[in-house]
Amino acid sequence: MSQQPTVKVEFEGKARIGEIMGSFKAIQLRPEDFSSPLALQMALSRIYSELMNVFNQRQETHYVADVTFTDSMGNPISIGVDFGDKIPPLSKKEVKVKITIEFYDEE
């Protein structure tokens, strides 16, 4: 038997659907990469190395959505959703989304 949520909150947002090469998912900048000039140089070196590896591999396309919405405190939120190798059956590249957050008691 599944437990019912104690609180359920929904948000409205937007999503842009596009595609990326599957091996590009590993290439990303993190907040700590901007902590100092040296940290940024190390991050750029890491990205360069990962790019060289990407060019030596077979490329697979992944369809992704860049989902953005504003939380209940007014903060902009951005999340990514990976649809895999099949694009969802949507008529446009920019669509509306509903984000649901459910809170449960731990058992």
PDB file of N, CA and C in Angstrom:
ATOM      1  N   MET A   1       0.847  -1.176   0.000  1.00  0.00           N
ATOM      2  CA  MET A   1       0.000   0.000   0.000  1.00  0.00           C
ATOM      3  C   MET A   1       0.893   1.239   0.000  1.00  0.00           C
ATOM      4  N   SER A   2       0.634   2.173  -0.913  1.00  0.00           N
ATOM      5  CA  SER A   2       1.454   3.386  -0.992  1.00  0.00           C
ATOM      6  C   SER A   2       0.921   4.444  -0.031  1.00  0.00           C
ATOM      7  N   GLN A   3       1.838   5.201   0.488  1.00  0.00           N
ATOM      8  CA  GLN A   3       1.516   6.237   1.445  1.00  0.00           C
ATOM      9  C   GLN A   3       1.044   7.494   0.712  1.00  0.00           C
ATOM     10  N   GLN A   4       0.038   8.165   1.246  1.00  0.00           N
ATOM     11  CA  GLN A   4      -0.470   9.401   0.660  1.00  0.00           C
ATOM     12  C   GLN A   4       0.407  10.567   1.105  1.00  0.00           C
ATOM     13  N   PRO A   5       0.625  11.547   0.229  1.00  0.00           N
ATOM     14  CA  PRO A   5       1.462  12.690   0.619  1.00  0.00           C
ATOM     15  C   PRO A   5       0.789  13.525   1.693  1.00  0.00           C
ATOM     16  N   THR A   6       1.624  14.073   2.598  1.00  0.00           N
ATOM     17  CA  THR A   6       1.119  14.960   3.645  1.00  0.00           C
ATOM     18  C   THR A   6       0.796  16.329   3.056  1.00  0.00           C
ATOM     19  N   VAL A   7       1.685  16.814   2.197  1.00  0.00           N
ATOM     20  CA  VAL A   7       1.517  18.111   1.530  1.00  0.00           C
ATOM     21  C   VAL A   7       1.885  17.936   0.064  1.00  0.00           C
ATOM     22  N   LYS A   8       1.120  18.579  -0.809  1.00  0.00           N
ATOM     23  CA  LYS A   8       1.383  18.528  -2.241  1.00  0.00           C
ATOM     24  C   LYS A   8       1.352  19.959  -2.779  1.00  0.00           C
ATOM     25  N   VAL A   9       2.429  20.358  -3.472  1.00  0.00           N
ATOM     26  CA  VAL A   9       2.541  21.715  -4.011  1.00  0.00           C
ATOM     27  C   VAL A   9       2.777  21.600  -5.510  1.00  0.00           C
ATOM     28  N   GLU A  10       2.112  22.443  -6.296  1.00  0.00           N
ATOM     29  CA  GLU A  10       2.299  22.428  -7.747  1.00  0.00           C
ATOM     30  C   GLU A  10       2.744  23.800  -8.237  1.00  0.00           C
ATOM     31  N   PHE A  11       3.611  23.785  -9.241  1.00  0.00           N
ATOM     32  CA  PHE A  11       4.099  25.003  -9.864  1.00  0.00           C
ATOM     33  C   PHE A  11       3.872  24.916 -11.366  1.00  0.00           C
ATOM     34  N   GLU A  12       3.704  26.061 -12.002  1.00  0.00           N
ATOM     35  CA  GLU A  12       3.608  26.139 -13.455  1.00  0.00           C
ATOM     36  C   GLU A  12       4.931  26.693 -13.971  1.00  0.00           C
ATOM     37  N   GLY A  13       5.376  26.190 -15.095  1.00  0.00           N
ATOM     38  CA  GLY A  13       6.631  26.655 -15.653  1.00  0.00           C
ATOM     39  C   GLY A  13       6.675  26.471 -17.154  1.00  0.00           C
ATOM     40  N   LYS A  14       7.868  26.601 -17.699  1.00  0.00           N
ATOM     41  CA  LYS A  14       8.090  26.446 -19.138  1.00  0.00           C
ATOM     42  C   LYS A  14       9.252  25.491 -19.349  1.00  0.00           C
ATOM     43  N   ALA A  15       9.266  24.850 -20.499  1.00  0.00           N
ATOM     44  CA  ALA A  15      10.379  23.977 -20.850  1.00  0.00           C
ATOM     45  C   ALA A  15      10.754  24.189 -22.300  1.00  0.00           C
ATOM     46  N   ARG A  16      12.044  24.163 -22.560  1.00  0.00           N
ATOM     47  CA  ARG A  16      12.567  24.179 -23.928  1.00  0.00           C
ATOM     48  C   ARG A  16      13.123  22.798 -24.199  1.00  0.00           C
ATOM     49  N   ILE A  17      12.666  22.173 -25.273  1.00  0.00           N
ATOM     50  CA  ILE A  17      13.113  20.842 -25.613  1.00  0.00           C
ATOM     51  C   ILE A  17      14.138  20.932 -26.735  1.00  0.00           C
ATOM     52  N   GLY A  18      15.241  20.241 -26.544  1.00  0.00           N
ATOM     53  CA  GLY A  18      16.302  20.247 -27.536  1.00  0.00           C
ATOM     54  C   GLY A  18      17.062  18.948 -27.472  1.00  0.00           C
ATOM     55  N   GLU A  19      18.181  18.922 -28.126  1.00  0.00           N
ATOM     56  CA  GLU A  19      18.978  17.707 -28.124  1.00  0.00           C
ATOM     57  C   GLU A  19      20.429  18.033 -27.818  1.00  0.00           C
ATOM     58  N   ILE A  20      21.080  17.081 -27.171  1.00  0.00           N
ATOM     59  CA  ILE A  20      22.504  17.184 -26.908  1.00  0.00           C
ATOM     60  C   ILE A  20      23.129  15.832 -27.229  1.00  0.00           C
ATOM     61  N   MET A  21      24.406  15.849 -27.502  1.00  0.00           N
ATOM     62  CA  MET A  21      25.108  14.592 -27.689  1.00  0.00           C
ATOM     63  C   MET A  21      25.230  13.947 -26.319  1.00  0.00           C
ATOM     64  N   GLY A  22      24.928  12.667 -26.245  1.00  0.00           N
ATOM     65  CA  GLY A  22      24.891  11.966 -24.967  1.00  0.00           C
ATOM     66  C   GLY A  22      26.147  12.118 -24.140  1.00  0.00           C
ATOM     67  N   SER A  23      27.295  12.109 -24.780  1.00  0.00           N
ATOM     68  CA  SER A  23      28.543  12.216 -24.034  1.00  0.00           C
ATOM     69  C   SER A  23      28.812  13.647 -23.551  1.00  0.00           C
ATOM     70  N   PHE A  24      28.054  14.621 -24.017  1.00  0.00           N
ATOM     71  CA  PHE A  24      28.217  16.002 -23.551  1.00  0.00           C
ATOM     72  C   PHE A  24      27.621  16.213 -22.167  1.00  0.00           C
ATOM     73  N   LYS A  25      26.818  15.257 -21.679  1.00  0.00           N
ATOM     74  CA  LYS A  25      26.210  15.424 -20.356  1.00  0.00           C
ATOM     75  C   LYS A  25      27.264  15.552 -19.269  1.00  0.00           C
ATOM     76  N   ALA A  26      28.419  14.926 -19.455  1.00  0.00           N
ATOM     77  CA  ALA A  26      29.487  14.972 -18.452  1.00  0.00           C
ATOM     78  C   ALA A  26      30.220  16.301 -18.461  1.00  0.00           C
ATOM     79  N   ILE A  27      30.065  17.082 -19.507  1.00  0.00           N
ATOM     80  CA  ILE A  27      30.786  18.346 -19.632  1.00  0.00           C
ATOM     81  C   ILE A  27      29.922  19.454 -19.043  1.00  0.00           C
ATOM     82  N   GLN A  28      30.315  19.905 -17.871  1.00  0.00           N
ATOM     83  CA  GLN A  28      29.526  20.942 -17.225  1.00  0.00           C
ATOM     84  C   GLN A  28      30.384  21.738 -16.245  1.00  0.00           C
ATOM     85  N   LEU A  29      29.976  22.959 -16.042  1.00  0.00           N
ATOM     86  CA  LEU A  29      30.617  23.800 -15.041  1.00  0.00           C
ATOM     87  C   LEU A  29      29.801  23.707 -13.755  1.00  0.00           C
ATOM     88  N   ARG A  30      30.502  23.653 -12.630  1.00  0.00           N
ATOM     89  CA  ARG A  30      29.853  23.572 -11.323  1.00  0.00           C
ATOM     90  C   ARG A  30      30.114  24.872 -10.566  1.00  0.00           C
ATOM     91  N   PRO A  31      29.285  25.200  -9.589  1.00  0.00           N
ATOM     92  CA  PRO A  31      29.494  26.459  -8.853  1.00  0.00           C
ATOM     93  C   PRO A  31      30.894  26.586  -8.259  1.00  0.00           C
ATOM     94  N   GLU A  32      31.472  25.491  -7.770  1.00  0.00           N
ATOM     95  CA  GLU A  32      32.806  25.573  -7.175  1.00  0.00           C
ATOM     96  C   GLU A  32      33.884  25.884  -8.205  1.00  0.00           C
ATOM     97  N   ASP A  33      33.568  25.712  -9.504  1.00  0.00           N
ATOM     98  CA  ASP A  33      34.529  26.047 -10.552  1.00  0.00           C
ATOM     99  C   ASP A  33      34.767  27.552 -10.649  1.00  0.00           C
ATOM    100  N   PHE A  34      33.912  28.342 -10.049  1.00  0.00           N
ATOM    101  CA  PHE A  34      34.040  29.795 -10.090  1.00  0.00           C
ATOM    102  C   PHE A  34      34.545  30.371  -8.770  1.00  0.00           C
ATOM    103  N   SER A  35      35.039  29.506  -7.877  1.00  0.00           N
ATOM    104  CA  SER A  35      35.467  29.980  -6.564  1.00  0.00           C
ATOM    105  C   SER A  35      36.770  30.765  -6.598  1.00  0.00           C
ATOM    106  N   SER A  36      37.604  30.547  -7.618  1.00  0.00           N
ATOM    107  CA  SER A  36      38.868  31.291  -7.741  1.00  0.00           C
ATOM    108  C   SER A  36      39.340  31.188  -9.183  1.00  0.00           C
ATOM    109  N   PRO A  37      40.266  32.064  -9.583  1.00  0.00           N
ATOM    110  CA  PRO A  37      40.806  31.971 -10.944  1.00  0.00           C
ATOM    111  C   PRO A  37      41.463  30.610 -11.221  1.00  0.00           C
ATOM    112  N   LEU A  38      42.148  30.045 -10.238  1.00  0.00           N
ATOM    113  CA  LEU A  38      42.787  28.744 -10.422  1.00  0.00           C
ATOM    114  C   LEU A  38      41.735  27.634 -10.582  1.00  0.00           C
ATOM    115  N   ALA A  39      40.659  27.703  -9.796  1.00  0.00           N
ATOM    116  CA  ALA A  39      39.584  26.711  -9.913  1.00  0.00           C
ATOM    117  C   ALA A  39      38.960  26.770 -11.308  1.00  0.00           C
ATOM    118  N   LEU A  40      38.814  27.972 -11.857  1.00  0.00           N
ATOM    119  CA  LEU A  40      38.256  28.110 -13.207  1.00  0.00           C
ATOM    120  C   LEU A  40      39.213  27.527 -14.253  1.00  0.00           C
ATOM    121  N   GLN A  41      40.510  27.771 -14.101  1.00  0.00           N
ATOM    122  CA  GLN A  41      41.488  27.200 -15.031  1.00  0.00           C
ATOM    123  C   GLN A  41      41.458  25.671 -14.978  1.00  0.00           C
ATOM    124  N   MET A  42      41.345  25.108 -13.780  1.00  0.00           N
ATOM    125  CA  MET A  42      41.275  23.650 -13.648  1.00  0.00           C
ATOM    126  C   MET A  42      40.008  23.124 -14.312  1.00  0.00           C
ATOM    127  N   ALA A  43      38.900  23.848 -14.153  1.00  0.00           N
ATOM    128  CA  ALA A  43      37.636  23.426 -14.773  1.00  0.00           C
ATOM    129  C   ALA A  43      37.744  23.469 -16.288  1.00  0.00           C
ATOM    130  N   LEU A  44      38.347  24.524 -16.830  1.00  0.00           N
ATOM    131  CA  LEU A  44      38.519  24.612 -18.277  1.00  0.00           C
ATOM    132  C   LEU A  44      39.406  23.485 -18.798  1.00  0.00           C
ATOM    133  N   SER A  45      40.438  23.126 -18.058  1.00  0.00           N
ATOM    134  CA  SER A  45      41.296  22.004 -18.443  1.00  0.00           C
ATOM    135  C   SER A  45      40.509  20.695 -18.425  1.00  0.00           C
ATOM    136  N   ARG A  46      39.685  20.504 -17.404  1.00  0.00           N
ATOM    137  CA  ARG A  46      38.845  19.312 -17.312  1.00  0.00           C
ATOM    138  C   ARG A  46      37.877  19.237 -18.491  1.00  0.00           C
ATOM    139  N   ILE A  47      37.270  20.368 -18.840  1.00  0.00           N
ATOM    140  CA  ILE A  47      36.319  20.406 -19.956  1.00  0.00           C
ATOM    141  C   ILE A  47      37.046  20.137 -21.270  1.00  0.00           C
ATOM    142  N   TYR A  48      38.231  20.700 -21.441  1.00  0.00           N
ATOM    143  CA  TYR A  48      39.009  20.455 -22.657  1.00  0.00           C
ATOM    144  C   TYR A  48      39.314  18.964 -22.799  1.00  0.00           C
ATOM    145  N   SER A  49      39.740  18.344 -21.728  1.00  0.00           N
ATOM    146  CA  SER A  49      40.052  16.913 -21.745  1.00  0.00           C
ATOM    147  C   SER A  49      38.804  16.084 -22.078  1.00  0.00           C
ATOM    148  N   GLU A  50      37.679  16.440 -21.479  1.00  0.00           N
ATOM    149  CA  GLU A  50      36.430  15.723 -21.754  1.00  0.00           C
ATOM    150  C   GLU A  50      35.986  15.922 -23.200  1.00  0.00           C
ATOM    151  N   LEU A  51      36.188  17.109 -23.754  1.00  0.00           N
ATOM    152  CA  LEU A  51      35.852  17.357 -25.156  1.00  0.00           C
ATOM    153  C   LEU A  51      36.688  16.494 -26.089  1.00  0.00           C
ATOM    154  N   MET A  52      37.967  16.355 -25.777  1.00  0.00           N
ATOM    155  CA  MET A  52      38.830  15.511 -26.601  1.00  0.00           C
ATOM    156  C   MET A  52      38.341  14.065 -26.568  1.00  0.00           C
ATOM    157  N   ASN A  53      37.899  13.598 -25.405  1.00  0.00           N
ATOM    158  CA  ASN A  53      37.352  12.241 -25.292  1.00  0.00           C
ATOM    159  C   ASN A  53      36.058  12.097 -26.092  1.00  0.00           C
ATOM    160  N   VAL A  54      35.216  13.123 -26.081  1.00  0.00           N
ATOM    161  CA  VAL A  54      33.942  13.096 -26.801  1.00  0.00           C
ATOM    162  C   VAL A  54      34.173  12.929 -28.294  1.00  0.00           C
ATOM    163  N   PHE A  55      35.159  13.634 -28.824  1.00  0.00           N
ATOM    164  CA  PHE A  55      35.403  13.581 -30.257  1.00  0.00           C
ATOM    165  C   PHE A  55      35.959  12.235 -30.716  1.00  0.00           C
ATOM    166  N   ASN A  56      36.445  11.445 -29.781  1.00  0.00           N
ATOM    167  CA  ASN A  56      36.968  10.125 -30.114  1.00  0.00           C
ATOM    168  C   ASN A  56      35.942   9.010 -29.910  1.00  0.00           C
ATOM    169  N   GLN A  57      34.713   9.365 -29.531  1.00  0.00           N
ATOM    170  CA  GLN A  57      33.669   8.369 -29.283  1.00  0.00           C
ATOM    171  C   GLN A  57      32.545   8.518 -30.295  1.00  0.00           C
ATOM    172  N   ARG A  58      31.762   7.430 -30.424  1.00  0.00           N
ATOM    173  CA  ARG A  58      30.559   7.498 -31.254  1.00  0.00           C
ATOM    174  C   ARG A  58      29.530   8.379 -30.544  1.00  0.00           C
ATOM    175  N   GLN A  59      28.876   9.244 -31.302  1.00  0.00           N
ATOM    176  CA  GLN A  59      27.946  10.201 -30.709  1.00  0.00           C
ATOM    177  C   GLN A  59      26.509   9.692 -30.725  1.00  0.00           C
ATOM    178  N   GLU A  60      25.860   9.723 -29.584  1.00  0.00           N
ATOM    179  CA  GLU A  60      24.445   9.397 -29.462  1.00  0.00           C
ATOM    180  C   GLU A  60      23.699  10.671 -29.103  1.00  0.00           C
ATOM    181  N   THR A  61      22.556  10.887 -29.734  1.00  0.00           N
ATOM    182  CA  THR A  61      21.757  12.074 -29.441  1.00  0.00           C
ATOM    183  C   THR A  61      20.765  11.762 -28.328  1.00  0.00           C
ATOM    184  N   HIS A  62      20.675  12.672 -27.366  1.00  0.00           N
ATOM    185  CA  HIS A  62      19.688  12.585 -26.291  1.00  0.00           C
ATOM    186  C   HIS A  62      18.793  13.805 -26.375  1.00  0.00           C
ATOM    187  N   TYR A  63      17.522  13.595 -26.162  1.00  0.00           N
ATOM    188  CA  TYR A  63      16.580  14.710 -26.116  1.00  0.00           C
ATOM    189  C   TYR A  63      16.404  15.123 -24.660  1.00  0.00           C
ATOM    190  N   VAL A  64      16.490  16.424 -24.432  1.00  0.00           N
ATOM    191  CA  VAL A  64      16.424  16.958 -23.076  1.00  0.00           C
ATOM    192  C   VAL A  64      15.457  18.138 -23.027  1.00  0.00           C
ATOM    193  N   ALA A  65      15.021  18.437 -21.814  1.00  0.00           N
ATOM    194  CA  ALA A  65      14.183  19.611 -21.590  1.00  0.00           C
ATOM    195  C   ALA A  65      14.838  20.477 -20.526  1.00  0.00           C
ATOM    196  N   ASP A  66      14.949  21.752 -20.813  1.00  0.00           N
ATOM    197  CA  ASP A  66      15.427  22.737 -19.849  1.00  0.00           C
ATOM    198  C   ASP A  66      14.173  23.336 -19.226  1.00  0.00           C
ATOM    199  N   VAL A  67      13.856  22.917 -18.004  1.00  0.00           N
ATOM    200  CA  VAL A  67      12.618  23.311 -17.327  1.00  0.00           C
ATOM    201  C   VAL A  67      12.916  24.460 -16.383  1.00  0.00           C
ATOM    202  N   THR A  68      12.142  25.532 -16.476  1.00  0.00           N
ATOM    203  CA  THR A  68      12.311  26.673 -15.583  1.00  0.00           C
ATOM    204  C   THR A  68      10.971  27.051 -14.960  1.00  0.00           C
ATOM    205  N   PHE A  69      11.031  27.423 -13.688  1.00  0.00           N
ATOM    206  CA  PHE A  69       9.843  27.911 -12.990  1.00  0.00           C
ATOM    207  C   PHE A  69      10.290  28.761 -11.817  1.00  0.00           C
ATOM    208  N   THR A  70       9.349  29.448 -11.197  1.00  0.00           N
ATOM    209  CA  THR A  70       9.631  30.280 -10.038  1.00  0.00           C
ATOM    210  C   THR A  70       9.010  29.624  -8.816  1.00  0.00           C
ATOM    211  N   ASP A  71       9.818  29.442  -7.763  1.00  0.00           N
ATOM    212  CA  ASP A  71       9.301  28.784  -6.566  1.00  0.00           C
ATOM    213  C   ASP A  71       8.406  29.729  -5.770  1.00  0.00           C
ATOM    214  N   SER A  72       7.842  29.229  -4.664  1.00  0.00           N
ATOM    215  CA  SER A  72       6.887  30.017  -3.888  1.00  0.00           C
ATOM    216  C   SER A  72       7.535  31.180  -3.140  1.00  0.00           C
ATOM    217  N   MET A  73       8.866  31.247  -3.127  1.00  0.00           N
ATOM    218  CA  MET A  73       9.562  32.367  -2.504  1.00  0.00           C
ATOM    219  C   MET A  73      10.094  33.338  -3.547  1.00  0.00           C
ATOM    220  N   GLY A  74       9.764  33.109  -4.820  1.00  0.00           N
ATOM    221  CA  GLY A  74      10.174  34.006  -5.887  1.00  0.00           C
ATOM    222  C   GLY A  74      11.524  33.701  -6.507  1.00  0.00           C
ATOM    223  N   ASN A  75      12.148  32.580  -6.145  1.00  0.00           N
ATOM    224  CA  ASN A  75      13.453  32.204  -6.689  1.00  0.00           C
ATOM    225  C   ASN A  75      13.297  31.499  -8.031  1.00  0.00           C
ATOM    226  N   PRO A  76      14.122  31.853  -9.010  1.00  0.00           N
ATOM    227  CA  PRO A  76      14.075  31.129 -10.292  1.00  0.00           C
ATOM    228  C   PRO A  76      14.729  29.756 -10.126  1.00  0.00           C
ATOM    229  N   ILE A  77      14.071  28.724 -10.621  1.00  0.00           N
ATOM    230  CA  ILE A  77      14.555  27.351 -10.520  1.00  0.00           C
ATOM    231  C   ILE A  77      14.704  26.796 -11.934  1.00  0.00           C
ATOM    232  N   SER A  78      15.797  26.075 -12.169  1.00  0.00           N
ATOM    233  CA  SER A  78      16.024  25.449 -13.459  1.00  0.00           C
ATOM    234  C   SER A  78      16.449  24.008 -13.229  1.00  0.00           C
ATOM    235  N   ILE A  79      15.803  23.077 -13.927  1.00  0.00           N
ATOM    236  CA  ILE A  79      16.174  21.669 -13.838  1.00  0.00           C
ATOM    237  C   ILE A  79      16.221  21.091 -15.247  1.00  0.00           C
ATOM    238  N   GLY A  80      16.931  20.015 -15.398  1.00  0.00           N
ATOM    239  CA  GLY A  80      17.023  19.343 -16.683  1.00  0.00           C
ATOM    240  C   GLY A  80      16.338  17.993 -16.620  1.00  0.00           C
ATOM    241  N   VAL A  81      15.688  17.617 -17.710  1.00  0.00           N
ATOM    242  CA  VAL A  81      15.036  16.316 -17.815  1.00  0.00           C
ATOM    243  C   VAL A  81      15.562  15.636 -19.074  1.00  0.00           C
ATOM    244  N   ASP A  82      16.056  14.419 -18.919  1.00  0.00           N
ATOM    245  CA  ASP A  82      16.599  13.653 -20.041  1.00  0.00           C
ATOM    246  C   ASP A  82      15.518  12.696 -20.532  1.00  0.00           C
ATOM    247  N   PHE A  83      15.118  12.841 -21.797  1.00  0.00           N
ATOM    248  CA  PHE A  83      14.102  11.966 -22.389  1.00  0.00           C
ATOM    249  C   PHE A  83      14.723  10.747 -23.073  1.00  0.00           C
ATOM    250  N   GLY A  84      16.035  10.658 -23.092  1.00  0.00           N
ATOM    251  CA  GLY A  84      16.697   9.540 -23.755  1.00  0.00           C
ATOM    252  C   GLY A  84      16.819   9.787 -25.246  1.00  0.00           C
ATOM    253  N   ASP A  85      16.738   8.720 -26.036  1.00  0.00           N
ATOM    254  CA  ASP A  85      16.978   8.850 -27.475  1.00  0.00           C
ATOM    255  C   ASP A  85      15.719   9.062 -28.304  1.00  0.00           C
ATOM    256  N   LYS A  86      14.575   9.250 -27.647  1.00  0.00           N
ATOM    257  CA  LYS A  86      13.321   9.493 -28.372  1.00  0.00           C
ATOM    258  C   LYS A  86      12.716  10.812 -27.911  1.00  0.00           C
ATOM    259  N   ILE A  87      12.381  11.657 -28.880  1.00  0.00           N
ATOM    260  CA  ILE A  87      11.774  12.946 -28.543  1.00  0.00           C
ATOM    261  C   ILE A  87      10.321  12.713 -28.127  1.00  0.00           C
ATOM    262  N   PRO A  88       9.852  13.400 -27.087  1.00  0.00           N
ATOM    263  CA  PRO A  88       8.460  13.221 -26.678  1.00  0.00           C
ATOM    264  C   PRO A  88       7.505  13.752 -27.752  1.00  0.00           C
ATOM    265  N   PRO A  89       6.312  13.188 -27.842  1.00  0.00           N
ATOM    266  CA  PRO A  89       5.357  13.598 -28.884  1.00  0.00           C
ATOM    267  C   PRO A  89       4.698  14.946 -28.569  1.00  0.00           C
ATOM    268  N   LEU A  90       5.459  16.018 -28.694  1.00  0.00           N
ATOM    269  CA  LEU A  90       4.948  17.373 -28.454  1.00  0.00           C
ATOM    270  C   LEU A  90       5.039  18.157 -29.759  1.00  0.00           C
ATOM    271  N   SER A  91       4.101  19.072 -29.952  1.00  0.00           N
ATOM    272  CA  SER A  91       4.032  19.793 -31.223  1.00  0.00           C
ATOM    273  C   SER A  91       5.014  20.960 -31.316  1.00  0.00           C
ATOM    274  N   LYS A  92       5.547  21.433 -30.176  1.00  0.00           N
ATOM    275  CA  LYS A  92       6.444  22.588 -30.180  1.00  0.00           C
ATOM    276  C   LYS A  92       7.710  22.284 -29.393  1.00  0.00           C
ATOM    277  N   LYS A  93       8.724  23.104 -29.597  1.00  0.00           N
ATOM    278  CA  LYS A  93       9.981  22.982 -28.849  1.00  0.00           C
ATOM    279  C   LYS A  93       9.901  23.699 -27.503  1.00  0.00           C
ATOM    280  N   GLU A  94       8.959  24.634 -27.364  1.00  0.00           N
ATOM    281  CA  GLU A  94       8.742  25.314 -26.090  1.00  0.00           C
ATOM    282  C   GLU A  94       7.340  24.982 -25.617  1.00  0.00           C
ATOM    283  N   VAL A  95       7.246  24.415 -24.406  1.00  0.00           N
ATOM    284  CA  VAL A  95       5.965  23.941 -23.888  1.00  0.00           C
ATOM    285  C   VAL A  95       5.782  24.386 -22.443  1.00  0.00           C
ATOM    286  N   LYS A  96       4.547  24.294 -21.974  1.00  0.00           N
ATOM    287  CA  LYS A  96       4.238  24.552 -20.568  1.00  0.00           C
ATOM    288  C   LYS A  96       4.456  23.267 -19.784  1.00  0.00           C
ATOM    289  N   VAL A  97       4.817  23.410 -18.504  1.00  0.00           N
ATOM    290  CA  VAL A  97       5.010  22.252 -17.644  1.00  0.00           C
ATOM    291  C   VAL A  97       4.337  22.483 -16.294  1.00  0.00           C
ATOM    292  N   LYS A  98       3.983  21.397 -15.652  1.00  0.00           N
ATOM    293  CA  LYS A  98       3.474  21.437 -14.295  1.00  0.00           C
ATOM    294  C   LYS A  98       4.438  20.642 -13.439  1.00  0.00           C
ATOM    295  N   ILE A  99       4.955  21.272 -12.385  1.00  0.00           N
ATOM    296  CA  ILE A  99       5.903  20.633 -11.491  1.00  0.00           C
ATOM    297  C   ILE A  99       5.165  20.328 -10.201  1.00  0.00           C
ATOM    298  N   THR A 100       5.197  19.076  -9.765  1.00  0.00           N
ATOM    299  CA  THR A 100       4.525  18.650  -8.547  1.00  0.00           C
ATOM    300  C   THR A 100       5.556  18.193  -7.533  1.00  0.00           C
ATOM    301  N   ILE A 101       5.444  18.731  -6.319  1.00  0.00           N
ATOM    302  CA  ILE A 101       6.308  18.317  -5.217  1.00  0.00           C
ATOM    303  C   ILE A 101       5.404  17.769  -4.124  1.00  0.00           C
ATOM    304  N   GLU A 102       5.697  16.548  -3.688  1.00  0.00           N
ATOM    305  CA  GLU A 102       4.908  15.908  -2.643  1.00  0.00           C
ATOM    306  C   GLU A 102       5.800  15.645  -1.437  1.00  0.00           C
ATOM    307  N   PHE A 103       5.281  15.958  -0.248  1.00  0.00           N
ATOM    308  CA  PHE A 103       6.013  15.747   0.994  1.00  0.00           C
ATOM    309  C   PHE A 103       5.414  14.561   1.736  1.00  0.00           C
ATOM    310  N   TYR A 104       6.291  13.659   2.207  1.00  0.00           N
ATOM    311  CA  TYR A 104       5.868  12.449   2.922  1.00  0.00           C
ATOM    312  C   TYR A 104       6.582  12.385   4.259  1.00  0.00           C
ATOM    313  N   ASP A 105       5.935  11.760   5.251  1.00  0.00           N
ATOM    314  CA  ASP A 105       6.595  11.439   6.503  1.00  0.00           C
ATOM    315  C   ASP A 105       7.488  10.235   6.282  1.00  0.00           C
ATOM    316  N   GLU A 106       8.650  10.215   6.926  1.00  0.00           N
ATOM    317  CA  GLU A 106       9.523   9.048   6.814  1.00  0.00           C
ATOM    318  C   GLU A 106       8.966   7.930   7.665  1.00  0.00           C
ATOM    319  N   GLU A 107       9.183   6.702   7.190  1.00  0.00           N
ATOM    320  CA  GLU A 107       8.732   5.549   7.978  1.00  0.00           C
ATOM    321  C   GLU A 107       9.894   4.795   8.505  1.00  0.00           C
TER     322      GLU A 107
END
